[in-house]
């Protein structure tokens, strides 16, 4: 019984170590060369415009769900 519990504790430790390794690897990939894009890219230009249109109640057509524009509008 004690050997089984010790093996269980080791497997939990190995699992936690593996998860920490995956987390650190994904974190490094997320922030690697992040400074390369220091301007607005692709459709990010339109998100600010749509957010401003929501604030000024200007009629416009937007095919995407408005949650991101609402969040940006809160920041404006």
PDB file of N, CA and C in Angstrom:
ATOM      1  N   UNK A   1       0.810  -1.194   0.000  1.00  0.00           N
ATOM      2  CA  UNK A   1       0.000   0.000   0.000  1.00  0.00           C
ATOM      3  C   UNK A   1       0.853   1.259   0.000  1.00  0.00           C
ATOM      4  N   UNK A   2       1.949   1.254   0.810  1.00  0.00           N
ATOM      5  CA  UNK A   2       2.819   2.420   0.864  1.00  0.00           C
ATOM      6  C   UNK A   2       3.544   2.626  -0.456  1.00  0.00           C
ATOM      7  N   UNK A   3       3.938   1.523  -1.109  1.00  0.00           N
ATOM      8  CA  UNK A   3       4.633   1.636  -2.397  1.00  0.00           C
ATOM      9  C   UNK A   3       3.704   2.224  -3.446  1.00  0.00           C
ATOM     10  N   UNK A   4       2.436   1.861  -3.392  1.00  0.00           N
ATOM     11  CA  UNK A   4       1.466   2.369  -4.340  1.00  0.00           C
ATOM     12  C   UNK A   4       1.242   3.864  -4.137  1.00  0.00           C
ATOM     13  N   UNK A   5       1.198   4.316  -2.894  1.00  0.00           N
ATOM     14  CA  UNK A   5       1.007   5.736  -2.597  1.00  0.00           C
ATOM     15  C   UNK A   5       2.233   6.543  -3.018  1.00  0.00           C
ATOM     16  N   UNK A   6       3.422   5.962  -2.815  1.00  0.00           N
ATOM     17  CA  UNK A   6       4.653   6.649  -3.216  1.00  0.00           C
ATOM     18  C   UNK A   6       4.714   6.789  -4.738  1.00  0.00           C
ATOM     19  N   UNK A   7       4.297   5.756  -5.444  1.00  0.00           N
ATOM     20  CA  UNK A   7       4.274   5.811  -6.902  1.00  0.00           C
ATOM     21  C   UNK A   7       3.263   6.852  -7.376  1.00  0.00           C
ATOM     22  N   UNK A   8       2.127   6.950  -6.685  1.00  0.00           N
ATOM     23  CA  UNK A   8       1.108   7.949  -7.016  1.00  0.00           C
ATOM     24  C   UNK A   8       1.652   9.354  -6.816  1.00  0.00           C
ATOM     25  N   UNK A   9       2.376   9.606  -5.726  1.00  0.00           N
ATOM     26  CA  UNK A   9       2.950  10.922  -5.463  1.00  0.00           C
ATOM     27  C   UNK A   9       3.993  11.281  -6.509  1.00  0.00           C
ATOM     28  N   UNK A  10       4.787  10.297  -6.928  1.00  0.00           N
ATOM     29  CA  UNK A  10       5.799  10.549  -7.962  1.00  0.00           C
ATOM     30  C   UNK A  10       5.130  10.885  -9.283  1.00  0.00           C
ATOM     31  N   UNK A  11       4.057  10.187  -9.615  1.00  0.00           N
ATOM     32  CA  UNK A  11       3.381  10.461 -10.884  1.00  0.00           C
ATOM     33  C   UNK A  11       2.725  11.842 -10.873  1.00  0.00           C
ATOM     34  N   UNK A  12       2.201  12.253  -9.738  1.00  0.00           N
ATOM     35  CA  UNK A  12       1.642  13.609  -9.646  1.00  0.00           C
ATOM     36  C   UNK A  12       2.750  14.646  -9.781  1.00  0.00           C
ATOM     37  N   UNK A  13       3.905  14.385  -9.182  1.00  0.00           N
ATOM     38  CA  UNK A  13       5.027  15.305  -9.295  1.00  0.00           C
ATOM     39  C   UNK A  13       5.494  15.409 -10.746  1.00  0.00           C
ATOM     40  N   UNK A  14       5.596  14.282 -11.432  1.00  0.00           N
ATOM     41  CA  UNK A  14       6.018  14.285 -12.835  1.00  0.00           C
ATOM     42  C   UNK A  14       4.993  15.012 -13.695  1.00  0.00           C
ATOM     43  N   UNK A  15       3.713  14.791 -13.421  1.00  0.00           N
ATOM     44  CA  UNK A  15       2.663  15.490 -14.159  1.00  0.00           C
ATOM     45  C   UNK A  15       2.749  16.996 -13.944  1.00  0.00           C
ATOM     46  N   UNK A  16       2.911  17.413 -12.694  1.00  0.00           N
ATOM     47  CA  UNK A  16       3.006  18.846 -12.394  1.00  0.00           C
ATOM     48  C   UNK A  16       4.247  19.454 -13.040  1.00  0.00           C
ATOM     49  N   UNK A  17       5.336  18.729 -13.029  1.00  0.00           N
ATOM     50  CA  UNK A  17       6.559  19.217 -13.668  1.00  0.00           C
ATOM     51  C   UNK A  17       6.374  19.336 -15.174  1.00  0.00           C
ATOM     52  N   UNK A  18       5.704  18.375 -15.767  1.00  0.00           N
ATOM     53  CA  UNK A  18       5.414  18.436 -17.200  1.00  0.00           C
ATOM     54  C   UNK A  18       4.517  19.602 -17.556  1.00  0.00           C
ATOM     55  N   UNK A  19       3.484  19.816 -16.736  1.00  0.00           N
ATOM     56  CA  UNK A  19       2.582  20.940 -16.990  1.00  0.00           C
ATOM     57  C   UNK A  19       3.300  22.276 -16.842  1.00  0.00           C
ATOM     58  N   UNK A  20       4.195  22.362 -15.869  1.00  0.00           N
ATOM     59  CA  UNK A  20       4.982  23.577 -15.704  1.00  0.00           C
ATOM     60  C   UNK A  20       5.883  23.791 -16.910  1.00  0.00           C
ATOM     61  N   UNK A  21       6.462  22.709 -17.420  1.00  0.00           N
ATOM     62  CA  UNK A  21       7.302  22.812 -18.613  1.00  0.00           C
ATOM     63  C   UNK A  21       6.520  23.277 -19.823  1.00  0.00           C
ATOM     64  N   UNK A  22       5.320  22.739 -20.015  1.00  0.00           N
ATOM     65  CA  UNK A  22       4.472  23.162 -21.133  1.00  0.00           C
ATOM     66  C   UNK A  22       4.077  24.625 -20.977  1.00  0.00           C
ATOM     67  N   UNK A  23       3.755  25.030 -19.752  1.00  0.00           N
ATOM     68  CA  UNK A  23       3.376  26.421 -19.503  1.00  0.00           C
ATOM     69  C   UNK A  23       4.535  27.368 -19.810  1.00  0.00           C
ATOM     70  N   UNK A  24       5.730  27.038 -19.330  1.00  0.00           N
ATOM     71  CA  UNK A  24       6.884  27.913 -19.572  1.00  0.00           C
ATOM     72  C   UNK A  24       7.240  27.962 -21.055  1.00  0.00           C
ATOM     73  N   UNK A  25       7.121  26.829 -21.743  1.00  0.00           N
ATOM     74  CA  UNK A  25       7.390  26.799 -23.176  1.00  0.00           C
ATOM     75  C   UNK A  25       6.382  27.652 -23.933  1.00  0.00           C
ATOM     76  N   UNK A  26       5.093  27.531 -23.593  1.00  0.00           N
ATOM     77  CA  UNK A  26       4.077  28.330 -24.272  1.00  0.00           C
ATOM     78  C   UNK A  26       4.228  29.815 -23.945  1.00  0.00           C
ATOM     79  N   UNK A  27       4.636  30.123 -22.724  1.00  0.00           N
ATOM     80  CA  UNK A  27       4.866  31.512 -22.342  1.00  0.00           C
ATOM     81  C   UNK A  27       6.024  32.111 -23.135  1.00  0.00           C
ATOM     82  N   UNK A  28       7.078  31.332 -23.314  1.00  0.00           N
ATOM     83  CA  UNK A  28       8.212  31.841 -24.091  1.00  0.00           C
ATOM     84  C   UNK A  28       7.829  32.020 -25.548  1.00  0.00           C
ATOM     85  N   UNK A  29       7.018  31.125 -26.104  1.00  0.00           N
ATOM     86  CA  UNK A  29       6.572  31.297 -27.485  1.00  0.00           C
ATOM     87  C   UNK A  29       5.644  32.495 -27.631  1.00  0.00           C
ATOM     88  N   UNK A  30       4.864  32.781 -26.615  1.00  0.00           N
ATOM     89  CA  UNK A  30       3.929  33.907 -26.686  1.00  0.00           C
ATOM     90  C   UNK A  30       4.664  35.246 -26.732  1.00  0.00           C
ATOM     91  N   UNK A  31       5.709  35.375 -25.955  1.00  0.00           N
ATOM     92  CA  UNK A  31       6.412  36.654 -25.875  1.00  0.00           C
ATOM     93  C   UNK A  31       7.640  36.736 -26.778  1.00  0.00           C
ATOM     94  N   UNK A  32       7.939  35.690 -27.519  1.00  0.00           N
ATOM     95  CA  UNK A  32       9.096  35.691 -28.409  1.00  0.00           C
ATOM     96  C   UNK A  32       8.806  36.593 -29.603  1.00  0.00           C
ATOM     97  N   UNK A  33       9.648  37.562 -29.854  1.00  0.00           N
ATOM     98  CA  UNK A  33       9.555  38.543 -30.941  1.00  0.00           C
ATOM     99  C   UNK A  33       8.239  39.321 -30.920  1.00  0.00           C
ATOM    100  N   UNK A  34       7.723  39.576 -29.745  1.00  0.00           N
ATOM    101  CA  UNK A  34       6.482  40.333 -29.632  1.00  0.00           C
ATOM    102  C   UNK A  34       6.684  41.786 -30.041  1.00  0.00           C
ATOM    103  N   UNK A  35       7.879  42.314 -29.854  1.00  0.00           N
ATOM    104  CA  UNK A  35       8.150  43.710 -30.200  1.00  0.00           C
ATOM    105  C   UNK A  35       8.263  43.931 -31.705  1.00  0.00           C
ATOM    106  N   UNK A  36       8.243  42.861 -32.485  1.00  0.00           N
ATOM    107  CA  UNK A  36       8.382  42.991 -33.936  1.00  0.00           C
ATOM    108  C   UNK A  36       7.213  43.761 -34.537  1.00  0.00           C
ATOM    109  N   UNK A  37       6.020  43.566 -34.011  1.00  0.00           N
ATOM    110  CA  UNK A  37       4.837  44.261 -34.526  1.00  0.00           C
ATOM    111  C   UNK A  37       4.521  45.432 -33.604  1.00  0.00           C
ATOM    112  N   UNK A  38       5.070  46.586 -33.910  1.00  0.00           N
ATOM    113  CA  UNK A  38       4.836  47.748 -33.058  1.00  0.00           C
ATOM    114  C   UNK A  38       3.818  48.702 -33.672  1.00  0.00           C
ATOM    115  N   UNK A  39       3.114  48.270 -34.710  1.00  0.00           N
ATOM    116  CA  UNK A  39       2.049  49.074 -35.313  1.00  0.00           C
ATOM    117  C   UNK A  39       0.789  48.215 -35.396  1.00  0.00           C
ATOM    118  N   UNK A  40      -0.306  48.832 -35.784  1.00  0.00           N
ATOM    119  CA  UNK A  40      -1.546  48.069 -35.965  1.00  0.00           C
ATOM    120  C   UNK A  40      -1.391  47.130 -37.157  1.00  0.00           C
ATOM    121  N   UNK A  41      -1.884  45.917 -37.002  1.00  0.00           N
ATOM    122  CA  UNK A  41      -1.700  44.899 -38.031  1.00  0.00           C
ATOM    123  C   UNK A  41      -3.056  44.409 -38.512  1.00  0.00           C
ATOM    124  N   UNK A  42      -3.193  44.201 -39.809  1.00  0.00           N
ATOM    125  CA  UNK A  42      -4.365  43.624 -40.456  1.00  0.00           C
ATOM    126  C   UNK A  42      -5.643  44.362 -40.062  1.00  0.00           C
ATOM    127  N   UNK A  43      -6.601  43.671 -39.463  1.00  0.00           N
ATOM    128  CA  UNK A  43      -7.896  44.281 -39.196  1.00  0.00           C
ATOM    129  C   UNK A  43      -7.957  45.032 -37.872  1.00  0.00           C
ATOM    130  N   UNK A  44      -6.836  45.147 -37.179  1.00  0.00           N
ATOM    131  CA  UNK A  44      -6.836  45.905 -35.925  1.00  0.00           C
ATOM    132  C   UNK A  44      -7.157  47.376 -36.159  1.00  0.00           C
ATOM    133  N   UNK A  45      -6.904  47.854 -37.362  1.00  0.00           N
ATOM    134  CA  UNK A  45      -7.198  49.246 -37.699  1.00  0.00           C
ATOM    135  C   UNK A  45      -8.702  49.487 -37.614  1.00  0.00           C
ATOM    136  N   UNK A  46      -9.479  48.498 -38.054  1.00  0.00           N
ATOM    137  CA  UNK A  46     -10.925  48.670 -38.099  1.00  0.00           C
ATOM    138  C   UNK A  46     -11.581  48.537 -36.736  1.00  0.00           C
ATOM    139  N   UNK A  47     -10.991  47.793 -35.823  1.00  0.00           N
ATOM    140  CA  UNK A  47     -11.589  47.625 -34.501  1.00  0.00           C
ATOM    141  C   UNK A  47     -11.716  48.966 -33.781  1.00  0.00           C
ATOM    142  N   UNK A  48     -10.700  49.785 -33.852  1.00  0.00           N
ATOM    143  CA  UNK A  48     -10.780  51.095 -33.205  1.00  0.00           C
ATOM    144  C   UNK A  48     -11.831  51.969 -33.878  1.00  0.00           C
ATOM    145  N   UNK A  49     -11.940  51.890 -35.193  1.00  0.00           N
ATOM    146  CA  UNK A  49     -12.956  52.671 -35.904  1.00  0.00           C
ATOM    147  C   UNK A  49     -14.352  52.200 -35.534  1.00  0.00           C
ATOM    148  N   UNK A  50     -14.556  50.890 -35.485  1.00  0.00           N
ATOM    149  CA  UNK A  50     -15.868  50.370 -35.094  1.00  0.00           C
ATOM    150  C   UNK A  50     -16.200  50.736 -33.648  1.00  0.00           C
ATOM    151  N   UNK A  51     -15.212  50.706 -32.775  1.00  0.00           N
ATOM    152  CA  UNK A  51     -15.443  51.089 -31.385  1.00  0.00           C
ATOM    153  C   UNK A  51     -15.860  52.546 -31.301  1.00  0.00           C
ATOM    154  N   UNK A  52     -15.216  53.389 -32.091  1.00  0.00           N
ATOM    155  CA  UNK A  52     -15.590  54.798 -32.120  1.00  0.00           C
ATOM    156  C   UNK A  52     -16.998  54.972 -32.689  1.00  0.00           C
ATOM    157  N   UNK A  53     -17.348  54.183 -33.697  1.00  0.00           N
ATOM    158  CA  UNK A  53     -18.704  54.252 -34.250  1.00  0.00           C
ATOM    159  C   UNK A  53     -19.747  53.839 -33.222  1.00  0.00           C
ATOM    160  N   UNK A  54     -19.428  52.855 -32.376  1.00  0.00           N
ATOM    161  CA  UNK A  54     -20.349  52.477 -31.301  1.00  0.00           C
ATOM    162  C   UNK A  54     -20.524  53.620 -30.316  1.00  0.00           C
ATOM    163  N   UNK A  55     -19.444  54.304 -29.995  1.00  0.00           N
ATOM    164  CA  UNK A  55     -19.530  55.398 -29.022  1.00  0.00           C
ATOM    165  C   UNK A  55     -20.315  56.581 -29.559  1.00  0.00           C
ATOM    166  N   UNK A  56     -20.123  56.898 -30.844  1.00  0.00           N
ATOM    167  CA  UNK A  56     -20.803  58.054 -31.431  1.00  0.00           C
ATOM    168  C   UNK A  56     -22.164  57.696 -32.018  1.00  0.00           C
ATOM    169  N   UNK A  57     -22.537  56.410 -31.914  1.00  0.00           N
ATOM    170  CA  UNK A  57     -23.815  55.914 -32.435  1.00  0.00           C
ATOM    171  C   UNK A  57     -23.962  56.172 -33.928  1.00  0.00           C
ATOM    172  N   UNK A  58     -22.859  56.087 -34.656  1.00  0.00           N
ATOM    173  CA  UNK A  58     -22.857  56.223 -36.103  1.00  0.00           C
ATOM    174  C   UNK A  58     -23.310  54.901 -36.715  1.00  0.00           C
ATOM    175  N   UNK A  59     -24.289  54.921 -37.637  1.00  0.00           N
ATOM    176  CA  UNK A  59     -24.721  53.659 -38.250  1.00  0.00           C
ATOM    177  C   UNK A  59     -23.614  53.090 -39.157  1.00  0.00           C
ATOM    178  N   UNK A  60     -23.361  51.812 -39.019  1.00  0.00           N
ATOM    179  CA  UNK A  60     -22.349  51.139 -39.831  1.00  0.00           C
ATOM    180  C   UNK A  60     -22.661  49.661 -39.876  1.00  0.00           C
ATOM    181  N   UNK A  61     -22.011  48.954 -40.802  1.00  0.00           N
ATOM    182  CA  UNK A  61     -22.187  47.509 -40.902  1.00  0.00           C
ATOM    183  C   UNK A  61     -20.921  46.816 -40.409  1.00  0.00           C
ATOM    184  N   UNK A  62     -21.117  45.874 -39.488  1.00  0.00           N
ATOM    185  CA  UNK A  62     -20.005  45.084 -38.972  1.00  0.00           C
ATOM    186  C   UNK A  62     -20.463  43.634 -38.937  1.00  0.00           C
ATOM    187  N   UNK A  63     -19.758  42.763 -39.652  1.00  0.00           N
ATOM    188  CA  UNK A  63     -20.162  41.358 -39.745  1.00  0.00           C
ATOM    189  C   UNK A  63     -19.722  40.534 -38.542  1.00  0.00           C
ATOM    190  N   UNK A  64     -18.887  41.087 -37.673  1.00  0.00           N
ATOM    191  CA  UNK A  64     -18.357  40.345 -36.542  1.00  0.00           C
ATOM    192  C   UNK A  64     -19.127  40.660 -35.271  1.00  0.00           C
ATOM    193  N   UNK A  65     -19.099  39.752 -34.299  1.00  0.00           N
ATOM    194  CA  UNK A  65     -19.743  40.043 -33.011  1.00  0.00           C
ATOM    195  C   UNK A  65     -19.097  41.262 -32.351  1.00  0.00           C
ATOM    196  N   UNK A  66     -19.874  42.084 -31.677  1.00  0.00           N
ATOM    197  CA  UNK A  66     -19.379  43.379 -31.216  1.00  0.00           C
ATOM    198  C   UNK A  66     -18.632  43.382 -29.888  1.00  0.00           C
ATOM    199  N   UNK A  67     -18.411  42.228 -29.251  1.00  0.00           N
ATOM    200  CA  UNK A  67     -17.815  42.238 -27.912  1.00  0.00           C
ATOM    201  C   UNK A  67     -16.445  42.914 -27.914  1.00  0.00           C
ATOM    202  N   UNK A  68     -15.598  42.600 -28.878  1.00  0.00           N
ATOM    203  CA  UNK A  68     -14.261  43.202 -28.888  1.00  0.00           C
ATOM    204  C   UNK A  68     -14.331  44.710 -29.094  1.00  0.00           C
ATOM    205  N   UNK A  69     -15.243  45.158 -29.939  1.00  0.00           N
ATOM    206  CA  UNK A  69     -15.374  46.607 -30.142  1.00  0.00           C
ATOM    207  C   UNK A  69     -15.924  47.289 -28.894  1.00  0.00           C
ATOM    208  N   UNK A  70     -16.808  46.616 -28.173  1.00  0.00           N
ATOM    209  CA  UNK A  70     -17.303  47.189 -26.906  1.00  0.00           C
ATOM    210  C   UNK A  70     -16.176  47.334 -25.900  1.00  0.00           C
ATOM    211  N   UNK A  71     -15.318  46.326 -25.830  1.00  0.00           N
ATOM    212  CA  UNK A  71     -14.197  46.389 -24.883  1.00  0.00           C
ATOM    213  C   UNK A  71     -13.252  47.510 -25.283  1.00  0.00           C
ATOM    214  N   UNK A  72     -12.973  47.659 -26.571  1.00  0.00           N
ATOM    215  CA  UNK A  72     -12.108  48.750 -27.027  1.00  0.00           C
ATOM    216  C   UNK A  72     -12.786  50.092 -26.764  1.00  0.00           C
ATOM    217  N   UNK A  73     -14.097  50.156 -26.959  1.00  0.00           N
ATOM    218  CA  UNK A  73     -14.827  51.415 -26.724  1.00  0.00           C
ATOM    219  C   UNK A  73     -14.765  51.814 -25.256  1.00  0.00           C
ATOM    220  N   UNK A  74     -14.756  50.845 -24.353  1.00  0.00           N
ATOM    221  CA  UNK A  74     -14.605  51.166 -22.933  1.00  0.00           C
ATOM    222  C   UNK A  74     -13.251  51.822 -22.685  1.00  0.00           C
ATOM    223  N   UNK A  75     -12.230  51.368 -23.412  1.00  0.00           N
ATOM    224  CA  UNK A  75     -10.894  51.935 -23.256  1.00  0.00           C
ATOM    225  C   UNK A  75     -10.737  53.304 -23.869  1.00  0.00           C
ATOM    226  N   UNK A  76     -11.595  53.646 -24.805  1.00  0.00           N
ATOM    227  CA  UNK A  76     -11.519  54.969 -25.440  1.00  0.00           C
ATOM    228  C   UNK A  76     -12.143  55.940 -24.510  1.00  0.00           C
TER     229      UNK A  76
END
